[in-house]
Amino acid sequence: MNAPWQAVRRFVRNTRGRDFVVGDIHGAYDLVIQAMKSARFDPAVDRLFVPGDLVDRGEESMRARRFLRQGYVHCSRGNHEQWWIDMYADGRPQNEVVAAMGRGMGVGWWLNSAPADADELVDLFRALPLAMEIETERGVVGVVHADVPSGMNWDEFVQALERGDRDVVRAAQWGRARINAGDASGVPGIDRVFVGHTPQWGGLKQLGNVFAVDTGAIFGMSAGTLEEGRLTMALMVAATGPLVAAKDRLDTPGLVDLRDALPASGQPFGSYAVLAAEQGQ
């Protein structure tokens, strides 16, 4: 029997291995494999967290079906996964409807897939949470696809997701306000947050305790598009300086940026987790 769906999935501290986060994949699974090899990722003890958008744009998107079945993979629901869930709300959609409504989204992979495989993948999407919360040795880390509304602390955010607040759910899957405004106020009540959704062409971007890790991997793989697109894979507890270093300072040739420099032993993330209490929230 399947476990009940959780809007927010919580993970205990990984005491045996490491936790990584990787930016939006959109079918660029060869880059994910390259990044894992570079990090000497051990599937037996390490975990890989993704803020969503596993599919569309890239022709290898169906590989998400096998990817999500790996025990070390944990993913939140992005706007592209939600789009497919909505398309299947009344059963399997017609090819013509998908082609018309998905114009510009890169949905050819679905049209060219075996129906049973595509249907199974959408079932896997339905099981994905809207956000994830992970305990680490440096503090608590949140992963959400797009944004946490400015002025909202983490507890307020997850409670809103759990009660199905439509505005907050939309911000979690579609929001760009924080990144577009360059809002560095951060998210109180949690130590570090990783988001995707909005590509960062100059490499991973930090706004307070929020780190935007979608660096346009699939665009870097696609001829005739944005050449600076790359895949970012970051150690969750990485030291902040190397985590946000300019890409020309990274010794990672090709289309992968691996950010895994460790901080001093036992060093906490910072003060964001206690801000909510200090503000009387």
C-alpha atoms as a PDB file:
ATOM      1  CA  MET A   1       0.000   0.000   0.000  1.00  0.00           C
ATOM      2  CA  ASN A   2       1.392   3.407  -0.963  1.00  0.00           C
ATOM      3  CA  ALA A   3       2.096   5.941   1.791  1.00  0.00           C
ATOM      4  CA  PRO A   4      -0.175   9.017   1.907  1.00  0.00           C
ATOM      5  CA  TRP A   5       1.032  11.958  -0.178  1.00  0.00           C
ATOM      6  CA  GLN A   6       3.008  14.555   1.749  1.00  0.00           C
ATOM      7  CA  ALA A   7       3.105  18.198   0.704  1.00  0.00           C
ATOM      8  CA  VAL A   8       6.393  18.548   2.605  1.00  0.00           C
ATOM      9  CA  ARG A   9       8.718  15.573   2.938  1.00  0.00           C
ATOM     10  CA  ARG A  10      11.215  15.564   5.795  1.00  0.00           C
ATOM     11  CA  PHE A  11      14.512  13.697   5.896  1.00  0.00           C
ATOM     12  CA  VAL A  12      16.642  12.826   8.898  1.00  0.00           C
ATOM     13  CA  ARG A  13      20.353  13.513   8.897  1.00  0.00           C
ATOM     14  CA  ASN A  14      22.455  11.307   6.636  1.00  0.00           C
ATOM     15  CA  THR A  15      25.035   9.863   9.030  1.00  0.00           C
ATOM     16  CA  ARG A  16      26.577   7.448   6.524  1.00  0.00           C
ATOM     17  CA  GLY A  17      27.167   9.574   3.441  1.00  0.00           C
ATOM     18  CA  ARG A  18      26.739  12.955   1.772  1.00  0.00           C
ATOM     19  CA  ASP A  19      23.761  14.943   0.511  1.00  0.00           C
ATOM     20  CA  PHE A  20      23.924  16.773  -2.824  1.00  0.00           C
ATOM     21  CA  VAL A  21      21.496  19.011  -4.653  1.00  0.00           C
ATOM     22  CA  VAL A  22      21.406  19.356  -8.432  1.00  0.00           C
ATOM     23  CA  GLY A  23      19.690  22.047 -10.492  1.00  0.00           C
ATOM     24  CA  ASP A  24      16.786  21.576 -12.924  1.00  0.00           C
ATOM     25  CA  ILE A  25      17.558  18.627 -15.201  1.00  0.00           C
ATOM     26  CA  HIS A  26      15.027  18.898 -18.072  1.00  0.00           C
ATOM     27  CA  GLY A  27      16.265  15.663 -19.609  1.00  0.00           C
ATOM     28  CA  ALA A  28      20.007  16.396 -19.260  1.00  0.00           C
ATOM     29  CA  TYR A  29      20.695  13.082 -17.531  1.00  0.00           C
ATOM     30  CA  ASP A  30      24.091  12.560 -19.134  1.00  0.00           C
ATOM     31  CA  LEU A  31      25.261  15.663 -17.248  1.00  0.00           C
ATOM     32  CA  VAL A  32      23.823  14.309 -14.002  1.00  0.00           C
ATOM     33  CA  ILE A  33      25.811  11.104 -14.460  1.00  0.00           C
ATOM     34  CA  GLN A  34      28.935  13.122 -15.249  1.00  0.00           C
ATOM     35  CA  ALA A  35      28.435  15.208 -12.105  1.00  0.00           C
ATOM     36  CA  MET A  36      27.921  12.129  -9.945  1.00  0.00           C
ATOM     37  CA  LYS A  37      31.106  10.578 -11.305  1.00  0.00           C
ATOM     38  CA  SER A  38      33.040  13.780 -10.630  1.00  0.00           C
ATOM     39  CA  ALA A  39      31.757  13.812  -7.047  1.00  0.00           C
ATOM     40  CA  ARG A  40      32.498  10.097  -6.603  1.00  0.00           C
ATOM     41  CA  PHE A  41      28.853   9.775  -5.639  1.00  0.00           C
ATOM     42  CA  ASP A  42      28.158   6.530  -3.743  1.00  0.00           C
ATOM     43  CA  PRO A  43      24.555   5.405  -4.312  1.00  0.00           C
ATOM     44  CA  ALA A  44      24.766   3.135  -1.272  1.00  0.00           C
ATOM     45  CA  VAL A  45      25.162   6.018   1.195  1.00  0.00           C
ATOM     46  CA  ASP A  46      24.880   9.360  -0.628  1.00  0.00           C
ATOM     47  CA  ARG A  47      21.601  11.136  -1.473  1.00  0.00           C
ATOM     48  CA  LEU A  48      20.698  13.382  -4.400  1.00  0.00           C
ATOM     49  CA  PHE A  49      18.007  16.068  -4.058  1.00  0.00           C
ATOM     50  CA  VAL A  50      16.413  17.851  -7.026  1.00  0.00           C
ATOM     51  CA  PRO A  51      14.153  20.935  -6.845  1.00  0.00           C
ATOM     52  CA  GLY A  52      12.013  19.694  -9.734  1.00  0.00           C
ATOM     53  CA  ASP A  53      11.678  20.047 -13.516  1.00  0.00           C
ATOM     54  CA  LEU A  54      13.039  16.656 -14.453  1.00  0.00           C
ATOM     55  CA  VAL A  55      11.416  16.692 -17.877  1.00  0.00           C
ATOM     56  CA  ASP A  56      10.581  18.722 -21.008  1.00  0.00           C
ATOM     57  CA  ARG A  57      12.954  20.621 -23.305  1.00  0.00           C
ATOM     58  CA  GLY A  58      15.348  17.654 -23.412  1.00  0.00           C
ATOM     59  CA  GLU A  59      14.648  14.617 -25.619  1.00  0.00           C
ATOM     60  CA  GLU A  60      15.984  12.280 -22.900  1.00  0.00           C
ATOM     61  CA  SER A  61      13.230  13.300 -20.494  1.00  0.00           C
ATOM     62  CA  MET A  62      11.774   9.784 -20.273  1.00  0.00           C
ATOM     63  CA  ARG A  63      14.885   8.792 -18.349  1.00  0.00           C
ATOM     64  CA  ALA A  64      13.173  10.510 -15.404  1.00  0.00           C
ATOM     65  CA  ARG A  65      11.091   7.335 -15.031  1.00  0.00           C
ATOM     66  CA  ARG A  66      14.131   5.261 -14.110  1.00  0.00           C
ATOM     67  CA  PHE A  67      15.796   8.148 -12.268  1.00  0.00           C
ATOM     68  CA  LEU A  68      12.907   8.565  -9.834  1.00  0.00           C
ATOM     69  CA  ARG A  69      13.020   4.871  -8.995  1.00  0.00           C
ATOM     70  CA  GLN A  70      16.553   5.117  -7.631  1.00  0.00           C
ATOM     71  CA  GLY A  71      16.516   4.968  -3.848  1.00  0.00           C
ATOM     72  CA  TYR A  72      19.057   7.772  -3.524  1.00  0.00           C
ATOM     73  CA  VAL A  73      16.987  10.266  -5.586  1.00  0.00           C
ATOM     74  CA  HIS A  74      14.574  12.674  -3.899  1.00  0.00           C
ATOM     75  CA  CYS A  75      12.732  15.344  -5.853  1.00  0.00           C
ATOM     76  CA  SER A  76      10.216  18.097  -5.204  1.00  0.00           C
ATOM     77  CA  ARG A  77       7.443  18.861  -7.685  1.00  0.00           C
ATOM     78  CA  GLY A  78       8.313  21.541 -10.206  1.00  0.00           C
ATOM     79  CA  ASN A  79       5.969  23.458 -12.474  1.00  0.00           C
ATOM     80  CA  HIS A  80       6.703  21.048 -15.338  1.00  0.00           C
ATOM     81  CA  GLU A  81       5.736  18.007 -13.254  1.00  0.00           C
ATOM     82  CA  GLN A  82       2.616  19.879 -12.143  1.00  0.00           C
ATOM     83  CA  TRP A  83       1.766  20.684 -15.764  1.00  0.00           C
ATOM     84  CA  TRP A  84       1.706  16.983 -16.590  1.00  0.00           C
ATOM     85  CA  ILE A  85      -0.348  16.150 -13.502  1.00  0.00           C
ATOM     86  CA  ASP A  86      -2.884  18.783 -14.576  1.00  0.00           C
ATOM     87  CA  MET A  87      -2.919  17.483 -18.135  1.00  0.00           C
ATOM     88  CA  TYR A  88      -3.837  14.020 -16.797  1.00  0.00           C
ATOM     89  CA  ALA A  89      -6.544  15.334 -14.448  1.00  0.00           C
ATOM     90  CA  ASP A  90      -9.293  13.718 -16.540  1.00  0.00           C
ATOM     91  CA  GLY A  91      -7.272  10.761 -17.814  1.00  0.00           C
ATOM     92  CA  ARG A  92      -4.645  10.417 -20.500  1.00  0.00           C
ATOM     93  CA  PRO A  93      -4.730  13.509 -22.787  1.00  0.00           C
ATOM     94  CA  GLN A  94      -4.867  13.298 -26.562  1.00  0.00           C
ATOM     95  CA  ASN A  95      -1.601  13.790 -28.430  1.00  0.00           C
ATOM     96  CA  GLU A  96      -3.053  16.753 -30.304  1.00  0.00           C
ATOM     97  CA  VAL A  97      -3.977  18.478 -27.033  1.00  0.00           C
ATOM     98  CA  VAL A  98      -0.504  17.935 -25.554  1.00  0.00           C
ATOM     99  CA  ALA A  99       1.186  19.189 -28.728  1.00  0.00           C
ATOM    100  CA  ALA A 100      -0.967  22.323 -28.811  1.00  0.00           C
ATOM    101  CA  MET A 101      -0.852  23.199 -25.116  1.00  0.00           C
ATOM    102  CA  GLY A 102       2.791  22.239 -24.748  1.00  0.00           C
ATOM    103  CA  ARG A 103       4.031  24.252 -27.707  1.00  0.00           C
ATOM    104  CA  GLY A 104       7.404  25.741 -26.803  1.00  0.00           C
ATOM    105  CA  MET A 105       7.833  23.483 -23.758  1.00  0.00           C
ATOM    106  CA  GLY A 106       9.660  20.667 -25.508  1.00  0.00           C
ATOM    107  CA  VAL A 107       7.082  17.896 -25.040  1.00  0.00           C
ATOM    108  CA  GLY A 108       8.146  15.828 -28.047  1.00  0.00           C
ATOM    109  CA  TRP A 109       9.664  13.222 -25.734  1.00  0.00           C
ATOM    110  CA  TRP A 110       6.145  12.418 -24.408  1.00  0.00           C
ATOM    111  CA  LEU A 111       4.651  12.190 -27.886  1.00  0.00           C
ATOM    112  CA  ASN A 112       7.389   9.725 -28.850  1.00  0.00           C
ATOM    113  CA  SER A 113       7.138   7.562 -25.705  1.00  0.00           C
ATOM    114  CA  ALA A 114       5.214   4.344 -25.122  1.00  0.00           C
ATOM    115  CA  PRO A 115       1.892   5.382 -23.568  1.00  0.00           C
ATOM    116  CA  ALA A 116       2.258   3.016 -20.606  1.00  0.00           C
ATOM    117  CA  ASP A 117       5.707   4.453 -19.789  1.00  0.00           C
ATOM    118  CA  ALA A 118       4.487   8.050 -19.985  1.00  0.00           C
ATOM    119  CA  ASP A 119       1.439   7.268 -17.840  1.00  0.00           C
ATOM    120  CA  GLU A 120       3.647   5.588 -15.226  1.00  0.00           C
ATOM    121  CA  LEU A 121       5.933   8.603 -15.114  1.00  0.00           C
ATOM    122  CA  VAL A 122       3.021  10.940 -14.412  1.00  0.00           C
ATOM    123  CA  ASP A 123       2.011   8.625 -11.571  1.00  0.00           C
ATOM    124  CA  LEU A 124       5.512   9.103 -10.146  1.00  0.00           C
ATOM    125  CA  PHE A 125       5.092  12.876 -10.452  1.00  0.00           C
ATOM    126  CA  ARG A 126       1.910  12.713  -8.368  1.00  0.00           C
ATOM    127  CA  ALA A 127       3.891  11.265  -5.469  1.00  0.00           C
ATOM    128  CA  LEU A 128       6.389  14.144  -5.386  1.00  0.00           C
ATOM    129  CA  PRO A 129       6.162  16.638  -2.503  1.00  0.00           C
ATOM    130  CA  LEU A 130       5.983  20.391  -2.981  1.00  0.00           C
ATOM    131  CA  ALA A 131       9.009  20.944  -0.757  1.00  0.00           C
ATOM    132  CA  MET A 132      11.618  18.969   1.179  1.00  0.00           C
ATOM    133  CA  GLU A 133      13.313  19.596   4.507  1.00  0.00           C
ATOM    134  CA  ILE A 134      16.632  17.907   5.266  1.00  0.00           C
ATOM    135  CA  GLU A 135      18.564  17.729   8.526  1.00  0.00           C
ATOM    136  CA  THR A 136      22.337  18.118   8.116  1.00  0.00           C
ATOM    137  CA  GLU A 137      25.316  18.431  10.446  1.00  0.00           C
ATOM    138  CA  ARG A 138      25.327  22.205   9.852  1.00  0.00           C
ATOM    139  CA  GLY A 139      21.603  22.862  10.218  1.00  0.00           C
ATOM    140  CA  VAL A 140      18.332  22.351   8.343  1.00  0.00           C
ATOM    141  CA  VAL A 141      18.125  22.720   4.556  1.00  0.00           C
ATOM    142  CA  GLY A 142      14.997  23.314   2.501  1.00  0.00           C
ATOM    143  CA  VAL A 143      14.496  22.416  -1.158  1.00  0.00           C
ATOM    144  CA  VAL A 144      11.625  23.846  -3.197  1.00  0.00           C
ATOM    145  CA  HIS A 145      11.250  24.355  -6.905  1.00  0.00           C
ATOM    146  CA  ALA A 146      10.763  28.091  -7.309  1.00  0.00           C
ATOM    147  CA  ASP A 147      10.385  30.387  -4.299  1.00  0.00           C
ATOM    148  CA  VAL A 148       9.350  31.019  -0.719  1.00  0.00           C
ATOM    149  CA  PRO A 149       7.247  34.219  -0.622  1.00  0.00           C
ATOM    150  CA  SER A 150       9.207  37.169   0.774  1.00  0.00           C
ATOM    151  CA  GLY A 151       8.329  37.997   4.351  1.00  0.00           C
ATOM    152  CA  MET A 152       7.251  34.419   5.120  1.00  0.00           C
ATOM    153  CA  ASN A 153       9.326  32.246   7.441  1.00  0.00           C
ATOM    154  CA  TRP A 154       9.910  28.578   6.717  1.00  0.00           C
ATOM    155  CA  ASP A 155       7.381  27.237   9.237  1.00  0.00           C
ATOM    156  CA  GLU A 156       4.674  29.517   7.847  1.00  0.00           C
ATOM    157  CA  PHE A 157       5.595  28.399   4.333  1.00  0.00           C
ATOM    158  CA  VAL A 158       5.391  24.661   4.987  1.00  0.00           C
ATOM    159  CA  GLN A 159       2.168  25.031   6.973  1.00  0.00           C
ATOM    160  CA  ALA A 160       0.634  26.918   4.037  1.00  0.00           C
ATOM    161  CA  LEU A 161       1.735  24.167   1.652  1.00  0.00           C
ATOM    162  CA  GLU A 162       0.290  21.497   3.916  1.00  0.00           C
ATOM    163  CA  ARG A 163      -3.107  23.177   4.064  1.00  0.00           C
ATOM    164  CA  GLY A 164      -3.100  23.748   0.294  1.00  0.00           C
ATOM    165  CA  ASP A 165      -2.889  27.542   0.195  1.00  0.00           C
ATOM    166  CA  ARG A 166      -3.165  28.206  -3.546  1.00  0.00           C
ATOM    167  CA  ASP A 167      -1.083  31.380  -3.594  1.00  0.00           C
ATOM    168  CA  VAL A 168       1.759  29.808  -1.641  1.00  0.00           C
ATOM    169  CA  VAL A 169       1.655  26.610  -3.701  1.00  0.00           C
ATOM    170  CA  ARG A 170       1.861  28.701  -6.867  1.00  0.00           C
ATOM    171  CA  ALA A 171       4.843  30.629  -5.479  1.00  0.00           C
ATOM    172  CA  ALA A 172       6.543  27.343  -4.596  1.00  0.00           C
ATOM    173  CA  GLN A 173       6.183  26.089  -8.168  1.00  0.00           C
ATOM    174  CA  TRP A 174       6.196  29.244 -10.287  1.00  0.00           C
ATOM    175  CA  GLY A 175       7.482  32.177  -8.226  1.00  0.00           C
ATOM    176  CA  ARG A 176      10.322  34.375  -9.460  1.00  0.00           C
ATOM    177  CA  ALA A 177       9.737  37.480  -7.340  1.00  0.00           C
ATOM    178  CA  ARG A 178      12.707  36.978  -5.018  1.00  0.00           C
ATOM    179  CA  ILE A 179      15.203  36.287  -7.785  1.00  0.00           C
ATOM    180  CA  ASN A 180      13.874  38.919 -10.190  1.00  0.00           C
ATOM    181  CA  ALA A 181      14.020  41.574  -7.452  1.00  0.00           C
ATOM    182  CA  GLY A 182      17.442  40.490  -6.205  1.00  0.00           C
ATOM    183  CA  ASP A 183      15.847  40.167  -2.753  1.00  0.00           C
ATOM    184  CA  ALA A 184      18.611  39.086  -0.357  1.00  0.00           C
ATOM    185  CA  SER A 185      16.449  39.154   2.788  1.00  0.00           C
ATOM    186  CA  GLY A 186      16.483  35.367   2.957  1.00  0.00           C
ATOM    187  CA  VAL A 187      14.044  32.950   4.566  1.00  0.00           C
ATOM    188  CA  PRO A 188      13.921  33.060   8.386  1.00  0.00           C
ATOM    189  CA  GLY A 189      13.460  29.854  10.328  1.00  0.00           C
ATOM    190  CA  ILE A 190      15.695  27.627   8.215  1.00  0.00           C
ATOM    191  CA  ASP A 191      19.431  27.586   7.643  1.00  0.00           C
ATOM    192  CA  ARG A 192      19.716  27.232   3.871  1.00  0.00           C
ATOM    193  CA  VAL A 193      17.237  26.908   0.976  1.00  0.00           C
ATOM    194  CA  PHE A 194      17.929  25.601  -2.526  1.00  0.00           C
ATOM    195  CA  VAL A 195      15.628  26.584  -5.400  1.00  0.00           C
ATOM    196  CA  GLY A 196      15.563  26.067  -9.157  1.00  0.00           C
ATOM    197  CA  HIS A 197      13.124  27.301 -11.848  1.00  0.00           C
ATOM    198  CA  THR A 198      14.880  30.537 -12.877  1.00  0.00           C
ATOM    199  CA  PRO A 199      18.117  29.897 -14.833  1.00  0.00           C
ATOM    200  CA  GLN A 200      21.241  31.641 -13.566  1.00  0.00           C
ATOM    201  CA  TRP A 201      23.526  32.032 -16.566  1.00  0.00           C
ATOM    202  CA  GLY A 202      26.540  33.182 -14.562  1.00  0.00           C
ATOM    203  CA  GLY A 203      26.474  30.186 -12.239  1.00  0.00           C
ATOM    204  CA  LEU A 204      24.825  29.466  -8.901  1.00  0.00           C
ATOM    205  CA  LYS A 205      23.430  32.597  -7.237  1.00  0.00           C
ATOM    206  CA  GLN A 206      23.042  33.422  -3.534  1.00  0.00           C
ATOM    207  CA  LEU A 207      20.309  35.686  -2.127  1.00  0.00           C
ATOM    208  CA  GLY A 208      20.605  35.679   1.653  1.00  0.00           C
ATOM    209  CA  ASN A 209      20.296  32.031   2.651  1.00  0.00           C
ATOM    210  CA  VAL A 210      18.586  31.145  -0.642  1.00  0.00           C
ATOM    211  CA  PHE A 211      20.709  29.489  -3.345  1.00  0.00           C
ATOM    212  CA  ALA A 212      19.455  29.311  -6.937  1.00  0.00           C
ATOM    213  CA  VAL A 213      20.925  26.181  -8.544  1.00  0.00           C
ATOM    214  CA  ASP A 214      19.211  26.069 -11.941  1.00  0.00           C
ATOM    215  CA  THR A 215      22.078  27.067 -14.214  1.00  0.00           C
ATOM    216  CA  GLY A 216      20.485  26.080 -17.534  1.00  0.00           C
ATOM    217  CA  ALA A 217      21.920  22.586 -18.047  1.00  0.00           C
ATOM    218  CA  ILE A 218      19.723  21.604 -20.981  1.00  0.00           C
ATOM    219  CA  PHE A 219      20.404  24.900 -22.758  1.00  0.00           C
ATOM    220  CA  GLY A 220      24.128  24.235 -22.557  1.00  0.00           C
ATOM    221  CA  MET A 221      23.575  20.855 -24.217  1.00  0.00           C
ATOM    222  CA  SER A 222      21.376  22.241 -27.003  1.00  0.00           C
ATOM    223  CA  ALA A 223      23.046  23.555 -30.140  1.00  0.00           C
ATOM    224  CA  GLY A 224      22.114  27.070 -31.104  1.00  0.00           C
ATOM    225  CA  THR A 225      20.934  28.104 -27.636  1.00  0.00           C
ATOM    226  CA  LEU A 226      22.588  29.656 -24.601  1.00  0.00           C
ATOM    227  CA  GLU A 227      26.131  28.263 -24.549  1.00  0.00           C
ATOM    228  CA  GLU A 228      26.740  29.305 -20.945  1.00  0.00           C
ATOM    229  CA  GLY A 229      24.113  26.869 -19.640  1.00  0.00           C
ATOM    230  CA  ARG A 230      25.613  24.267 -17.290  1.00  0.00           C
ATOM    231  CA  LEU A 231      24.519  21.754 -14.659  1.00  0.00           C
ATOM    232  CA  THR A 232      25.251  22.654 -11.042  1.00  0.00           C
ATOM    233  CA  MET A 233      25.665  19.922  -8.445  1.00  0.00           C
ATOM    234  CA  ALA A 234      26.350  21.179  -4.925  1.00  0.00           C
ATOM    235  CA  LEU A 235      27.111  19.554  -1.609  1.00  0.00           C
ATOM    236  CA  MET A 236      24.343  20.724   0.723  1.00  0.00           C
ATOM    237  CA  VAL A 237      26.778  21.612   3.490  1.00  0.00           C
ATOM    238  CA  ALA A 238      29.401  23.160   1.191  1.00  0.00           C
ATOM    239  CA  ALA A 239      31.262  26.261   2.316  1.00  0.00           C
ATOM    240  CA  THR A 240      29.471  29.360   1.035  1.00  0.00           C
ATOM    241  CA  GLY A 241      32.481  30.963  -0.677  1.00  0.00           C
ATOM    242  CA  PRO A 242      33.245  28.098  -3.079  1.00  0.00           C
ATOM    243  CA  LEU A 243      29.528  27.425  -3.440  1.00  0.00           C
ATOM    244  CA  VAL A 244      28.973  30.808  -5.096  1.00  0.00           C
ATOM    245  CA  ALA A 245      32.366  31.237  -6.768  1.00  0.00           C
ATOM    246  CA  ALA A 246      32.335  32.520 -10.344  1.00  0.00           C
ATOM    247  CA  LYS A 247      32.326  29.645 -12.809  1.00  0.00           C
ATOM    248  CA  ASP A 248      35.669  30.731 -14.295  1.00  0.00           C
ATOM    249  CA  ARG A 249      37.226  29.964 -10.892  1.00  0.00           C
ATOM    250  CA  LEU A 250      35.979  26.389 -10.873  1.00  0.00           C
ATOM    251  CA  ASP A 251      38.155  23.512 -11.958  1.00  0.00           C
ATOM    252  CA  THR A 252      35.265  21.698 -13.648  1.00  0.00           C
ATOM    253  CA  PRO A 253      35.669  21.610 -17.436  1.00  0.00           C
ATOM    254  CA  GLY A 254      32.697  20.874 -19.657  1.00  0.00           C
ATOM    255  CA  LEU A 255      29.092  21.538 -18.753  1.00  0.00           C
ATOM    256  CA  VAL A 256      29.170  20.561 -15.070  1.00  0.00           C
ATOM    257  CA  ASP A 257      29.907  22.756 -12.033  1.00  0.00           C
ATOM    258  CA  LEU A 258      30.636  20.633  -8.949  1.00  0.00           C
ATOM    259  CA  ARG A 259      30.527  22.654  -5.723  1.00  0.00           C
ATOM    260  CA  ASP A 260      31.674  20.440  -2.862  1.00  0.00           C
ATOM    261  CA  ALA A 261      34.239  22.357  -0.800  1.00  0.00           C
ATOM    262  CA  LEU A 262      33.720  21.539   2.883  1.00  0.00           C
ATOM    263  CA  PRO A 263      33.662  24.237   5.599  1.00  0.00           C
ATOM    264  CA  ALA A 264      35.572  24.063   8.845  1.00  0.00           C
ATOM    265  CA  SER A 265      34.435  21.092  10.913  1.00  0.00           C
ATOM    266  CA  GLY A 266      31.183  21.689  12.783  1.00  0.00           C
ATOM    267  CA  GLN A 267      30.680  25.205  11.415  1.00  0.00           C
ATOM    268  CA  PRO A 268      26.935  26.073  11.400  1.00  0.00           C
ATOM    269  CA  PHE A 269      25.319  27.709   8.366  1.00  0.00           C
ATOM    270  CA  GLY A 270      24.428  31.033   9.940  1.00  0.00           C
ATOM    271  CA  SER A 271      21.737  32.897  11.821  1.00  0.00           C
ATOM    272  CA  TYR A 272      18.681  32.535   9.570  1.00  0.00           C
ATOM    273  CA  ALA A 273      17.233  29.630  11.543  1.00  0.00           C
ATOM    274  CA  VAL A 274      16.887  31.756  14.684  1.00  0.00           C
ATOM    275  CA  LEU A 275      15.620  34.934  13.022  1.00  0.00           C
ATOM    276  CA  ALA A 276      11.987  33.897  13.250  1.00  0.00           C
ATOM    277  CA  ALA A 277      12.221  33.462  17.030  1.00  0.00           C
ATOM    278  CA  GLU A 278      14.050  36.758  17.446  1.00  0.00           C
ATOM    279  CA  GLN A 279      11.315  38.528  15.476  1.00  0.00           C
ATOM    280  CA  GLY A 280       8.655  37.060  17.771  1.00  0.00           C
ATOM    281  CA  GLN A 281       7.221  34.809  15.061  1.00  0.00           C
END
